[in-house]
Amino acid sequence: MNYEEFCELAPLYVLDVLDAKERRLLEDYIAQFPESEAHLDELAETLAMMPYSLPERTMATNLKARLFERIADETVADSHQSITYPAMGTHLPLFTVRPADVRWQPHPVPGVAIAKLYEDPVRREIVCLLRAQAGVYYPCHRHVGAEEIFMLEGDLVVNGEVYGTGDYIRSAPGTIHNPHTVNGCMFFIRTSLDDEIIN
């Protein structure tokens, strides 16, 4: 056991929730490093100060229903589009964007426009449509997470390979490329919000 593992198990030891094997490992560590016992004493002191003596409160019978109602009502408004996104952390069984709600916005790369469909701030992912005019070169960039592209129209050249309508392209995390289009294109893309532009 190393120090990091000790620090992970120490609070559980004080709470007396370790299994026999983990307890033995931790006690062997303490025998080997007696100074670590001071850390356990501090944790035990903190635990003793916790308000276990407070009276138990009964939860309102409709609390869960009210909570889920409130979560469903909360939305994150996107300042660029009329689409209403689910509140962060909610996992709705169905989320849709109608064609009338799609709003194209200029991208920092000249000749490129995007229409954001969904953004997940927890997973740090964005799903959108991307449209590029003929001759556009996208800057060289490194993928922090996997990127998935489904070609809807036109051509996209990635690492010398030309992709067209109906092609699916998946770039693994860590890959680097600077795609371009000869005649213009439009595609569906899911990628990380944290991809890095390489100068």
Protein backbone atom coordinates (compact mmCIF):
# COMPACT_ATOMS: atom_id res chain seq x y z
CA MET A 1 0.00 0.00 0.00
CA ASN A 2 1.30 3.48 -0.82
CA TYR A 3 0.47 6.82 0.82
CA GLU A 4 -2.26 7.71 -1.70
CA GLU A 5 -4.04 4.40 -1.06
CA PHE A 6 -3.72 4.98 2.68
CA CYS A 7 -5.34 8.42 2.31
CA GLU A 8 -8.21 6.86 0.32
CA LEU A 9 -8.86 4.11 2.87
CA ALA A 10 -8.27 6.10 6.09
CA PRO A 11 -11.71 7.81 6.18
CA LEU A 12 -13.42 4.46 5.54
CA TYR A 13 -11.36 2.88 8.32
CA VAL A 14 -12.52 5.56 10.77
CA LEU A 15 -16.12 5.01 9.65
CA ASP A 16 -15.58 1.26 10.19
CA VAL A 17 -16.81 0.27 6.72
CA LEU A 18 -13.71 -1.49 5.36
CA ASP A 19 -13.76 -5.20 4.69
CA ALA A 20 -11.31 -7.43 6.60
CA LYS A 21 -8.68 -7.46 3.83
CA GLU A 22 -8.63 -3.65 3.45
CA ARG A 23 -8.56 -3.21 7.23
CA ARG A 24 -5.53 -5.52 7.47
CA LEU A 25 -3.74 -3.64 4.68
CA LEU A 26 -4.31 -0.32 6.41
CA GLU A 27 -3.24 -1.63 9.81
CA ASP A 28 -0.07 -3.10 8.26
CA TYR A 29 0.65 0.32 6.75
CA ILE A 30 0.18 1.98 10.17
CA ALA A 31 2.54 -0.58 11.74
CA GLN A 32 5.14 0.24 9.09
CA PHE A 33 4.59 4.02 9.30
CA PRO A 34 3.44 4.82 12.87
CA GLU A 35 3.32 8.55 12.13
CA SER A 36 0.30 7.89 9.88
CA GLU A 37 -1.77 7.14 12.97
CA ALA A 38 -1.94 10.91 13.65
CA HIS A 39 -3.90 11.25 10.40
CA LEU A 40 -6.42 8.67 11.62
CA ASP A 41 -6.74 10.50 14.95
CA GLU A 42 -7.57 13.75 13.11
CA LEU A 43 -10.20 11.98 11.01
CA ALA A 44 -11.72 10.35 14.10
CA GLU A 45 -11.89 13.75 15.82
CA THR A 46 -13.64 15.27 12.80
CA LEU A 47 -16.08 12.38 12.70
CA ALA A 48 -16.88 12.84 16.39
CA MET A 49 -17.85 16.47 15.73
CA MET A 50 -20.37 15.55 13.05
CA PRO A 51 -23.96 16.17 14.14
CA TYR A 52 -25.18 12.61 14.53
CA SER A 53 -27.25 13.66 17.50
CA LEU A 54 -29.68 15.78 15.47
CA PRO A 55 -33.23 14.46 15.43
CA GLU A 56 -34.21 12.50 12.35
CA ARG A 57 -36.47 14.40 9.96
CA THR A 58 -39.22 12.83 7.91
CA MET A 59 -39.05 13.54 4.19
CA ALA A 60 -42.16 15.06 2.61
CA THR A 61 -44.06 12.41 0.68
CA ASN A 62 -44.18 14.50 -2.53
CA LEU A 63 -40.56 15.72 -2.36
CA LYS A 64 -39.30 13.39 -5.09
CA ALA A 65 -42.14 14.32 -7.47
CA ARG A 66 -41.57 18.04 -6.84
CA LEU A 67 -37.84 17.65 -7.42
CA PHE A 68 -38.30 15.88 -10.76
CA GLU A 69 -40.89 18.47 -11.81
CA ARG A 70 -38.44 21.25 -11.06
CA ILE A 71 -35.61 19.52 -12.94
CA ALA A 72 -37.85 19.04 -15.97
CA ASP A 73 -38.82 22.74 -15.92
CA GLU A 74 -35.27 24.06 -15.71
CA THR A 75 -33.67 24.78 -19.06
CA VAL A 76 -30.43 26.26 -20.22
CA ALA A 77 -31.17 28.93 -22.79
CA ASP A 78 -28.62 29.24 -25.56
CA SER A 79 -28.02 32.89 -26.40
CA HIS A 80 -27.40 32.15 -30.09
CA GLN A 81 -30.33 29.87 -30.81
CA SER A 82 -33.98 29.39 -30.00
CA ILE A 83 -33.38 25.77 -28.94
CA THR A 84 -34.07 25.07 -25.27
CA TYR A 85 -31.53 22.66 -23.81
CA PRO A 86 -32.14 20.35 -20.86
CA ALA A 87 -30.73 21.52 -17.53
CA MET A 88 -27.20 20.34 -16.79
CA GLY A 89 -27.18 16.88 -15.26
CA THR A 90 -30.65 15.90 -16.46
CA HIS A 91 -30.95 12.82 -18.62
CA LEU A 92 -34.16 13.12 -20.57
CA PRO A 93 -35.32 10.06 -22.50
CA LEU A 94 -35.86 12.17 -25.64
CA PHE A 95 -34.42 15.49 -26.81
CA THR A 96 -35.22 16.81 -30.26
CA VAL A 97 -34.36 19.73 -32.52
CA ARG A 98 -36.85 20.53 -35.29
CA PRO A 99 -35.60 21.90 -38.64
CA ALA A 100 -37.29 25.24 -37.91
CA ASP A 101 -35.20 25.55 -34.72
CA VAL A 102 -31.82 25.10 -36.45
CA ARG A 103 -29.89 28.37 -36.45
CA TRP A 104 -26.69 28.70 -38.45
CA GLN A 105 -24.00 30.84 -36.83
CA PRO A 106 -20.73 32.03 -38.33
CA HIS A 107 -17.68 30.10 -37.11
CA PRO A 108 -14.34 31.81 -36.36
CA VAL A 109 -12.92 30.04 -39.45
CA PRO A 110 -13.95 32.13 -42.51
CA GLY A 111 -16.34 30.26 -44.80
CA VAL A 112 -17.56 27.94 -42.03
CA ALA A 113 -20.91 28.03 -40.25
CA ILE A 114 -22.23 25.79 -37.48
CA ALA A 115 -25.67 24.96 -36.16
CA LYS A 116 -25.42 23.70 -32.61
CA LEU A 117 -27.83 20.86 -31.85
CA TYR A 118 -26.75 19.87 -28.34
CA GLU A 119 -24.03 20.68 -25.84
CA ASP A 120 -23.15 18.50 -22.86
CA PRO A 121 -21.15 20.59 -20.35
CA VAL A 122 -20.55 17.56 -18.11
CA ARG A 123 -19.03 15.35 -20.81
CA ARG A 124 -17.57 18.45 -22.52
CA GLU A 125 -19.08 17.47 -25.89
CA ILE A 126 -20.86 19.37 -28.62
CA VAL A 127 -23.12 18.00 -31.34
CA CYS A 128 -23.73 20.21 -34.36
CA LEU A 129 -24.01 20.58 -38.09
CA LEU A 130 -21.02 22.13 -39.86
CA ARG A 131 -21.15 23.72 -43.29
CA ALA A 132 -18.01 24.82 -45.18
CA GLN A 133 -17.69 26.71 -48.44
CA ALA A 134 -15.50 25.44 -51.30
CA GLY A 135 -11.78 25.66 -50.64
CA VAL A 136 -12.00 26.01 -46.84
CA TYR A 137 -9.14 24.61 -44.76
CA TYR A 138 -9.94 23.96 -41.10
CA PRO A 139 -6.97 24.74 -38.80
CA CYS A 140 -4.73 21.90 -37.66
CA HIS A 141 -6.14 20.60 -34.37
CA ARG A 142 -5.72 17.82 -31.80
CA HIS A 143 -8.73 15.86 -30.56
CA VAL A 144 -9.10 15.69 -26.79
CA GLY A 145 -11.92 13.16 -27.13
CA ALA A 146 -13.19 11.10 -30.04
CA GLU A 147 -14.65 13.03 -32.97
CA GLU A 148 -17.43 11.55 -35.08
CA ILE A 149 -18.49 12.94 -38.45
CA PHE A 150 -21.30 11.80 -40.75
CA MET A 151 -21.09 13.39 -44.18
CA LEU A 152 -24.38 14.84 -45.43
CA GLU A 153 -23.18 16.43 -48.67
CA GLY A 154 -20.07 17.53 -50.52
CA ASP A 155 -16.49 16.41 -49.92
CA LEU A 156 -14.12 16.46 -46.96
CA VAL A 157 -10.42 15.62 -47.28
CA VAL A 158 -8.86 14.17 -44.11
CA ASN A 159 -5.22 13.01 -44.19
CA GLY A 160 -5.32 12.77 -47.99
CA GLU A 161 -8.49 10.63 -48.08
CA VAL A 162 -11.61 12.11 -49.73
CA TYR A 163 -14.93 11.45 -47.98
CA GLY A 164 -18.38 12.13 -49.40
CA THR A 165 -22.11 11.84 -48.72
CA GLY A 166 -22.93 8.94 -46.39
CA ASP A 167 -19.36 8.41 -45.15
CA TYR A 168 -18.72 8.10 -41.41
CA ILE A 169 -15.38 9.30 -40.02
CA ARG A 170 -14.22 8.67 -36.44
CA SER A 171 -11.02 10.26 -35.16
CA ALA A 172 -9.62 8.81 -31.93
CA PRO A 173 -8.57 11.01 -28.98
CA GLY A 174 -5.10 12.44 -29.53
CA THR A 175 -5.27 12.42 -33.32
CA ILE A 176 -4.15 15.53 -35.20
CA HIS A 177 -5.32 16.72 -38.62
CA ASN A 178 -6.38 19.77 -40.64
CA PRO A 179 -9.18 18.73 -42.98
CA HIS A 180 -10.29 20.74 -45.98
CA THR A 181 -13.01 20.71 -48.59
CA VAL A 182 -12.58 21.16 -52.33
CA ASN A 183 -16.16 21.82 -53.41
CA GLY A 184 -17.79 22.61 -50.07
CA CYS A 185 -19.55 20.27 -47.65
CA MET A 186 -21.98 19.83 -44.80
CA PHE A 187 -21.76 17.20 -42.07
CA PHE A 188 -23.07 16.14 -38.68
CA ILE A 189 -20.34 16.19 -36.02
CA ARG A 190 -19.94 15.18 -32.39
CA THR A 191 -16.69 16.32 -30.80
CA SER A 192 -15.06 17.64 -27.65
CA LEU A 193 -15.47 21.25 -26.55
CA ASP A 194 -11.79 21.14 -25.57
CA ASP A 195 -10.13 20.25 -28.91
CA GLU A 196 -6.84 22.13 -29.28
CA ILE A 197 -5.92 24.32 -32.25
CA ILE A 198 -2.25 23.77 -33.15
CA ASN A 199 -0.46 26.78 -34.58
